[in-house]
Amino acid sequence: MSKALEKIANHYQKAIAGELEKIRVEEWDMDVYCKRTYAFRDEAKVIELQSQGKTVEALVESLIIKALDKDGKRIFVDADRVNLMNEADPAVIVKVAGQINNIGIRKPIGDVIKE
């Protein structure tokens, strides 16, 4: 493995194994936890839906894949998709999915490299 790939892999391992981030969702009277990053295999379905112009479905997919409880277990299962699409406040879905999807942007992962 090259030095560059080694650095990339180290960064990813720190990010994926790091502490969970907590998001308080007042509207649902619950806390949602998430990681700072996810594997591309987890992101693939979300990216595919976005590329098809299915923004709402992509947001719901983000929640299903990324919303975790305090122990790091998924809150939602695939079968919850219909309920999230039809029985949840869209504004809250957008807010929570946005926070989850941007957590890694708001908080840097690991050491900051100084040039």
N, C-alpha and C. Protein backbone atom coordinates (compact mmCIF):
# COMPACT_ATOMS: atom_id res chain seq x y z
N MET A 1 0.86 -1.18 0.00
CA MET A 1 0.00 0.00 0.00
C MET A 1 0.90 1.24 0.00
N SER A 2 0.58 2.19 -0.85
CA SER A 2 1.37 3.42 -0.92
C SER A 2 1.15 4.26 0.34
N LYS A 3 2.07 5.19 0.57
CA LYS A 3 1.97 6.10 1.73
C LYS A 3 0.66 6.89 1.68
N ALA A 4 0.28 7.34 0.49
CA ALA A 4 -0.94 8.12 0.36
C ALA A 4 -2.15 7.28 0.75
N LEU A 5 -2.22 6.06 0.23
CA LEU A 5 -3.36 5.19 0.56
C LEU A 5 -3.35 4.80 2.04
N GLU A 6 -2.18 4.66 2.60
CA GLU A 6 -2.07 4.36 4.03
C GLU A 6 -2.65 5.50 4.86
N LYS A 7 -2.34 6.73 4.50
CA LYS A 7 -2.88 7.90 5.21
C LYS A 7 -4.39 7.98 5.05
N ILE A 8 -4.86 7.71 3.83
CA ILE A 8 -6.30 7.74 3.56
C ILE A 8 -7.01 6.68 4.40
N ALA A 9 -6.46 5.48 4.44
CA ALA A 9 -7.06 4.39 5.21
C ALA A 9 -7.05 4.69 6.71
N ASN A 10 -5.96 5.25 7.22
CA ASN A 10 -5.88 5.62 8.63
C ASN A 10 -6.94 6.65 8.99
N HIS A 11 -7.09 7.65 8.14
CA HIS A 11 -8.10 8.68 8.36
C HIS A 11 -9.49 8.07 8.41
N TYR A 12 -9.78 7.19 7.46
CA TYR A 12 -11.09 6.55 7.39
C TYR A 12 -11.35 5.69 8.63
N GLN A 13 -10.36 4.93 9.05
CA GLN A 13 -10.53 4.07 10.22
C GLN A 13 -10.80 4.90 11.48
N LYS A 14 -10.14 6.03 11.63
CA LYS A 14 -10.41 6.92 12.76
C LYS A 14 -11.84 7.45 12.69
N ALA A 15 -12.25 7.83 11.51
CA ALA A 15 -13.58 8.42 11.33
C ALA A 15 -14.68 7.40 11.59
N ILE A 16 -14.55 6.22 11.05
CA ILE A 16 -15.61 5.21 11.14
C ILE A 16 -15.70 4.65 12.56
N ALA A 17 -14.58 4.64 13.29
CA ALA A 17 -14.56 4.08 14.64
C ALA A 17 -14.77 5.14 15.71
N GLY A 18 -14.90 6.39 15.31
CA GLY A 18 -15.00 7.48 16.27
C GLY A 18 -16.31 7.48 17.05
N GLU A 19 -16.39 8.40 17.98
CA GLU A 19 -17.59 8.53 18.80
C GLU A 19 -18.79 8.91 17.94
N LEU A 20 -19.96 8.49 18.41
CA LEU A 20 -21.19 8.87 17.74
C LEU A 20 -21.53 10.32 18.08
N GLU A 21 -22.09 11.00 17.12
CA GLU A 21 -22.55 12.37 17.31
C GLU A 21 -24.04 12.34 17.64
N LYS A 22 -24.46 13.15 18.60
CA LYS A 22 -25.86 13.16 19.02
C LYS A 22 -26.59 14.36 18.41
N ILE A 23 -27.77 14.10 17.89
CA ILE A 23 -28.64 15.14 17.37
C ILE A 23 -29.96 15.05 18.13
N ARG A 24 -30.33 16.11 18.79
CA ARG A 24 -31.60 16.14 19.52
C ARG A 24 -32.70 16.51 18.54
N VAL A 25 -33.74 15.67 18.46
CA VAL A 25 -34.89 15.92 17.58
C VAL A 25 -36.09 16.18 18.49
N GLU A 26 -36.31 17.45 18.80
CA GLU A 26 -37.40 17.84 19.70
C GLU A 26 -38.76 17.38 19.19
N GLU A 27 -38.97 17.52 17.90
CA GLU A 27 -40.27 17.16 17.32
C GLU A 27 -40.62 15.69 17.55
N TRP A 28 -39.62 14.85 17.62
CA TRP A 28 -39.84 13.41 17.82
C TRP A 28 -39.58 13.01 19.27
N ASP A 29 -39.19 13.96 20.12
CA ASP A 29 -38.87 13.71 21.51
C ASP A 29 -37.87 12.57 21.65
N MET A 30 -36.79 12.67 20.87
CA MET A 30 -35.77 11.63 20.91
C MET A 30 -34.42 12.16 20.43
N ASP A 31 -33.40 11.41 20.76
CA ASP A 31 -32.06 11.70 20.26
C ASP A 31 -31.75 10.73 19.13
N VAL A 32 -31.11 11.24 18.12
CA VAL A 32 -30.63 10.42 17.01
C VAL A 32 -29.12 10.55 17.00
N TYR A 33 -28.45 9.45 16.82
CA TYR A 33 -27.00 9.44 16.79
C TYR A 33 -26.54 9.09 15.38
N CYS A 34 -25.34 9.52 15.06
CA CYS A 34 -24.79 9.21 13.74
C CYS A 34 -23.27 9.22 13.81
N LYS A 35 -22.66 8.65 12.80
CA LYS A 35 -21.21 8.68 12.67
C LYS A 35 -20.82 9.91 11.86
N ARG A 36 -19.55 10.21 11.86
CA ARG A 36 -19.08 11.36 11.07
C ARG A 36 -18.91 11.00 9.60
N THR A 37 -18.82 9.73 9.30
CA THR A 37 -18.67 9.30 7.92
C THR A 37 -19.24 7.89 7.77
N TYR A 38 -19.48 7.52 6.54
CA TYR A 38 -20.03 6.20 6.21
C TYR A 38 -19.30 5.65 5.00
N ALA A 39 -19.29 4.35 4.89
CA ALA A 39 -18.65 3.70 3.74
C ALA A 39 -19.42 4.02 2.47
N PHE A 40 -18.72 4.00 1.34
CA PHE A 40 -19.38 4.25 0.06
C PHE A 40 -20.49 3.25 -0.20
N ARG A 41 -20.35 2.02 0.28
CA ARG A 41 -21.40 1.03 0.06
C ARG A 41 -22.70 1.47 0.74
N ASP A 42 -22.58 2.20 1.87
CA ASP A 42 -23.76 2.74 2.55
C ASP A 42 -24.31 3.96 1.83
N GLU A 43 -23.43 4.72 1.23
CA GLU A 43 -23.83 5.94 0.52
C GLU A 43 -24.37 5.65 -0.89
N ALA A 44 -24.05 4.50 -1.44
CA ALA A 44 -24.36 4.21 -2.84
C ALA A 44 -25.84 4.37 -3.17
N LYS A 45 -26.71 3.85 -2.33
CA LYS A 45 -28.16 3.93 -2.60
C LYS A 45 -28.63 5.39 -2.55
N VAL A 46 -28.11 6.14 -1.59
CA VAL A 46 -28.47 7.56 -1.47
C VAL A 46 -28.03 8.32 -2.72
N ILE A 47 -26.80 8.09 -3.14
CA ILE A 47 -26.26 8.77 -4.33
C ILE A 47 -27.06 8.38 -5.57
N GLU A 48 -27.40 7.11 -5.68
CA GLU A 48 -28.18 6.63 -6.82
C GLU A 48 -29.55 7.33 -6.87
N LEU A 49 -30.21 7.43 -5.74
CA LEU A 49 -31.52 8.09 -5.70
C LEU A 49 -31.39 9.58 -6.05
N GLN A 50 -30.36 10.23 -5.54
CA GLN A 50 -30.14 11.65 -5.85
C GLN A 50 -29.90 11.84 -7.33
N SER A 51 -29.13 10.96 -7.94
CA SER A 51 -28.82 11.10 -9.36
C SER A 51 -30.05 10.88 -10.23
N GLN A 52 -31.04 10.18 -9.69
CA GLN A 52 -32.29 9.96 -10.41
C GLN A 52 -33.29 11.09 -10.15
N GLY A 53 -32.89 12.09 -9.37
CA GLY A 53 -33.77 13.20 -9.05
C GLY A 53 -34.78 12.87 -7.96
N LYS A 54 -34.54 11.81 -7.22
CA LYS A 54 -35.45 11.37 -6.16
C LYS A 54 -34.93 11.86 -4.81
N THR A 55 -35.00 13.16 -4.63
CA THR A 55 -34.43 13.80 -3.45
C THR A 55 -35.09 13.33 -2.16
N VAL A 56 -36.41 13.26 -2.15
CA VAL A 56 -37.13 12.84 -0.95
C VAL A 56 -36.74 11.42 -0.56
N GLU A 57 -36.73 10.54 -1.54
CA GLU A 57 -36.35 9.15 -1.27
C GLU A 57 -34.91 9.06 -0.76
N ALA A 58 -34.04 9.90 -1.29
CA ALA A 58 -32.65 9.92 -0.85
C ALA A 58 -32.54 10.37 0.61
N LEU A 59 -33.32 11.36 1.00
CA LEU A 59 -33.30 11.82 2.39
C LEU A 59 -33.79 10.73 3.33
N VAL A 60 -34.88 10.06 2.95
CA VAL A 60 -35.40 8.97 3.77
C VAL A 60 -34.40 7.83 3.84
N GLU A 61 -33.76 7.52 2.73
CA GLU A 61 -32.74 6.47 2.72
C GLU A 61 -31.59 6.82 3.65
N SER A 62 -31.20 8.09 3.67
CA SER A 62 -30.15 8.55 4.59
C SER A 62 -30.54 8.26 6.03
N LEU A 63 -31.80 8.56 6.38
CA LEU A 63 -32.25 8.29 7.74
C LEU A 63 -32.22 6.80 8.06
N ILE A 64 -32.71 6.00 7.14
CA ILE A 64 -32.76 4.56 7.38
C ILE A 64 -31.36 4.00 7.60
N ILE A 65 -30.42 4.43 6.80
CA ILE A 65 -29.05 3.91 6.87
C ILE A 65 -28.26 4.51 8.03
N LYS A 66 -28.44 5.80 8.29
CA LYS A 66 -27.52 6.52 9.16
C LYS A 66 -28.03 6.86 10.55
N ALA A 67 -29.34 6.87 10.76
CA ALA A 67 -29.88 7.22 12.08
C ALA A 67 -29.67 6.05 13.03
N LEU A 68 -28.93 6.29 14.11
CA LEU A 68 -28.56 5.24 15.05
C LEU A 68 -29.07 5.57 16.45
N ASP A 69 -29.16 4.54 17.29
CA ASP A 69 -29.46 4.79 18.69
C ASP A 69 -28.13 4.99 19.43
N LYS A 70 -28.19 5.20 20.73
CA LYS A 70 -26.97 5.51 21.49
C LYS A 70 -25.97 4.37 21.50
N ASP A 71 -26.43 3.15 21.18
CA ASP A 71 -25.54 1.99 21.13
C ASP A 71 -24.99 1.74 19.73
N GLY A 72 -25.34 2.61 18.77
CA GLY A 72 -24.83 2.48 17.42
C GLY A 72 -25.64 1.54 16.54
N LYS A 73 -26.83 1.17 16.98
CA LYS A 73 -27.72 0.31 16.18
C LYS A 73 -28.68 1.17 15.37
N ARG A 74 -29.01 0.70 14.17
CA ARG A 74 -29.94 1.45 13.33
C ARG A 74 -31.30 1.61 14.03
N ILE A 75 -31.85 2.81 13.95
CA ILE A 75 -33.17 3.09 14.52
C ILE A 75 -34.25 2.55 13.59
N PHE A 76 -34.04 2.71 12.31
CA PHE A 76 -35.04 2.33 11.32
C PHE A 76 -34.60 1.11 10.54
N VAL A 77 -35.59 0.36 10.05
CA VAL A 77 -35.34 -0.77 9.17
C VAL A 77 -35.93 -0.42 7.80
N ASP A 78 -35.56 -1.18 6.79
CA ASP A 78 -36.03 -0.90 5.43
C ASP A 78 -37.55 -0.82 5.35
N ALA A 79 -38.24 -1.63 6.15
CA ALA A 79 -39.71 -1.64 6.12
C ALA A 79 -40.32 -0.33 6.63
N ASP A 80 -39.53 0.50 7.33
CA ASP A 80 -40.02 1.79 7.83
C ASP A 80 -40.10 2.85 6.74
N ARG A 81 -39.56 2.55 5.56
CA ARG A 81 -39.50 3.51 4.47
C ARG A 81 -40.88 4.10 4.15
N VAL A 82 -41.89 3.25 4.05
CA VAL A 82 -43.25 3.70 3.70
C VAL A 82 -43.78 4.66 4.76
N ASN A 83 -43.60 4.32 6.02
CA ASN A 83 -44.07 5.20 7.09
C ASN A 83 -43.34 6.53 7.09
N LEU A 84 -42.03 6.49 6.89
CA LEU A 84 -41.26 7.74 6.85
C LEU A 84 -41.68 8.60 5.67
N MET A 85 -42.00 7.97 4.56
CA MET A 85 -42.42 8.72 3.36
C MET A 85 -43.82 9.31 3.51
N ASN A 86 -44.68 8.65 4.26
CA ASN A 86 -46.10 9.05 4.28
C ASN A 86 -46.63 9.53 5.62
N GLU A 87 -45.92 9.25 6.70
CA GLU A 87 -46.47 9.58 8.01
C GLU A 87 -45.53 10.39 8.88
N ALA A 88 -44.49 10.95 8.29
CA ALA A 88 -43.55 11.79 9.03
C ALA A 88 -43.56 13.19 8.43
N ASP A 89 -43.36 14.17 9.29
CA ASP A 89 -43.31 15.57 8.86
C ASP A 89 -42.10 15.76 7.94
N PRO A 90 -42.34 16.14 6.68
CA PRO A 90 -41.23 16.31 5.74
C PRO A 90 -40.17 17.31 6.22
N ALA A 91 -40.61 18.36 6.90
CA ALA A 91 -39.65 19.36 7.38
C ALA A 91 -38.68 18.76 8.39
N VAL A 92 -39.17 17.86 9.21
CA VAL A 92 -38.30 17.22 10.21
C VAL A 92 -37.36 16.22 9.52
N ILE A 93 -37.88 15.49 8.56
CA ILE A 93 -37.04 14.56 7.80
C ILE A 93 -35.89 15.33 7.15
N VAL A 94 -36.20 16.43 6.50
CA VAL A 94 -35.18 17.25 5.83
C VAL A 94 -34.17 17.77 6.85
N LYS A 95 -34.65 18.25 7.98
CA LYS A 95 -33.77 18.80 9.01
C LYS A 95 -32.81 17.73 9.56
N VAL A 96 -33.36 16.60 9.96
CA VAL A 96 -32.54 15.56 10.58
C VAL A 96 -31.58 14.94 9.56
N ALA A 97 -32.08 14.62 8.38
CA ALA A 97 -31.21 14.05 7.34
C ALA A 97 -30.10 15.04 6.97
N GLY A 98 -30.45 16.32 6.90
CA GLY A 98 -29.44 17.34 6.61
C GLY A 98 -28.36 17.40 7.67
N GLN A 99 -28.77 17.33 8.94
CA GLN A 99 -27.78 17.36 10.02
C GLN A 99 -26.89 16.12 9.97
N ILE A 100 -27.50 14.96 9.76
CA ILE A 100 -26.72 13.73 9.69
C ILE A 100 -25.74 13.78 8.52
N ASN A 101 -26.21 14.20 7.37
CA ASN A 101 -25.37 14.21 6.17
C ASN A 101 -24.27 15.26 6.22
N ASN A 102 -24.41 16.26 7.07
CA ASN A 102 -23.41 17.32 7.14
C ASN A 102 -22.56 17.28 8.39
N ILE A 103 -22.74 16.29 9.24
CA ILE A 103 -22.00 16.23 10.50
C ILE A 103 -20.49 16.18 10.27
N GLY A 104 -20.04 15.46 9.27
CA GLY A 104 -18.61 15.37 8.97
C GLY A 104 -18.04 16.66 8.44
N ILE A 105 -18.87 17.48 7.83
CA ILE A 105 -18.44 18.78 7.32
C ILE A 105 -18.29 19.76 8.46
N ARG A 106 -19.22 19.71 9.42
CA ARG A 106 -19.20 20.64 10.54
C ARG A 106 -18.08 20.34 11.52
N LYS A 107 -17.74 19.05 11.68
CA LYS A 107 -16.73 18.67 12.65
C LYS A 107 -15.64 17.89 11.95
N PRO A 108 -14.44 18.44 11.84
CA PRO A 108 -13.36 17.73 11.17
C PRO A 108 -13.05 16.40 11.84
N ILE A 109 -12.58 15.45 11.04
CA ILE A 109 -12.24 14.13 11.53
C ILE A 109 -10.75 14.05 11.78
N GLY A 110 -10.38 13.66 12.98
CA GLY A 110 -8.97 13.41 13.28
C GLY A 110 -8.14 14.69 13.27
N ASP A 111 -6.89 14.51 13.02
CA ASP A 111 -5.93 15.61 13.03
C ASP A 111 -6.09 16.48 11.80
N VAL A 112 -5.94 17.76 12.00
CA VAL A 112 -5.94 18.70 10.89
C VAL A 112 -4.51 18.79 10.36
N ILE A 113 -4.36 18.65 9.08
CA ILE A 113 -3.03 18.70 8.48
C ILE A 113 -2.68 20.15 8.20
N LYS A 114 -1.55 20.59 8.74
CA LYS A 114 -1.11 21.97 8.52
C LYS A 114 -0.09 21.96 7.39
N GLU A 115 -0.24 22.91 6.52
CA GLU A 115 0.70 23.00 5.39
C GLU A 115 1.70 24.09 5.62
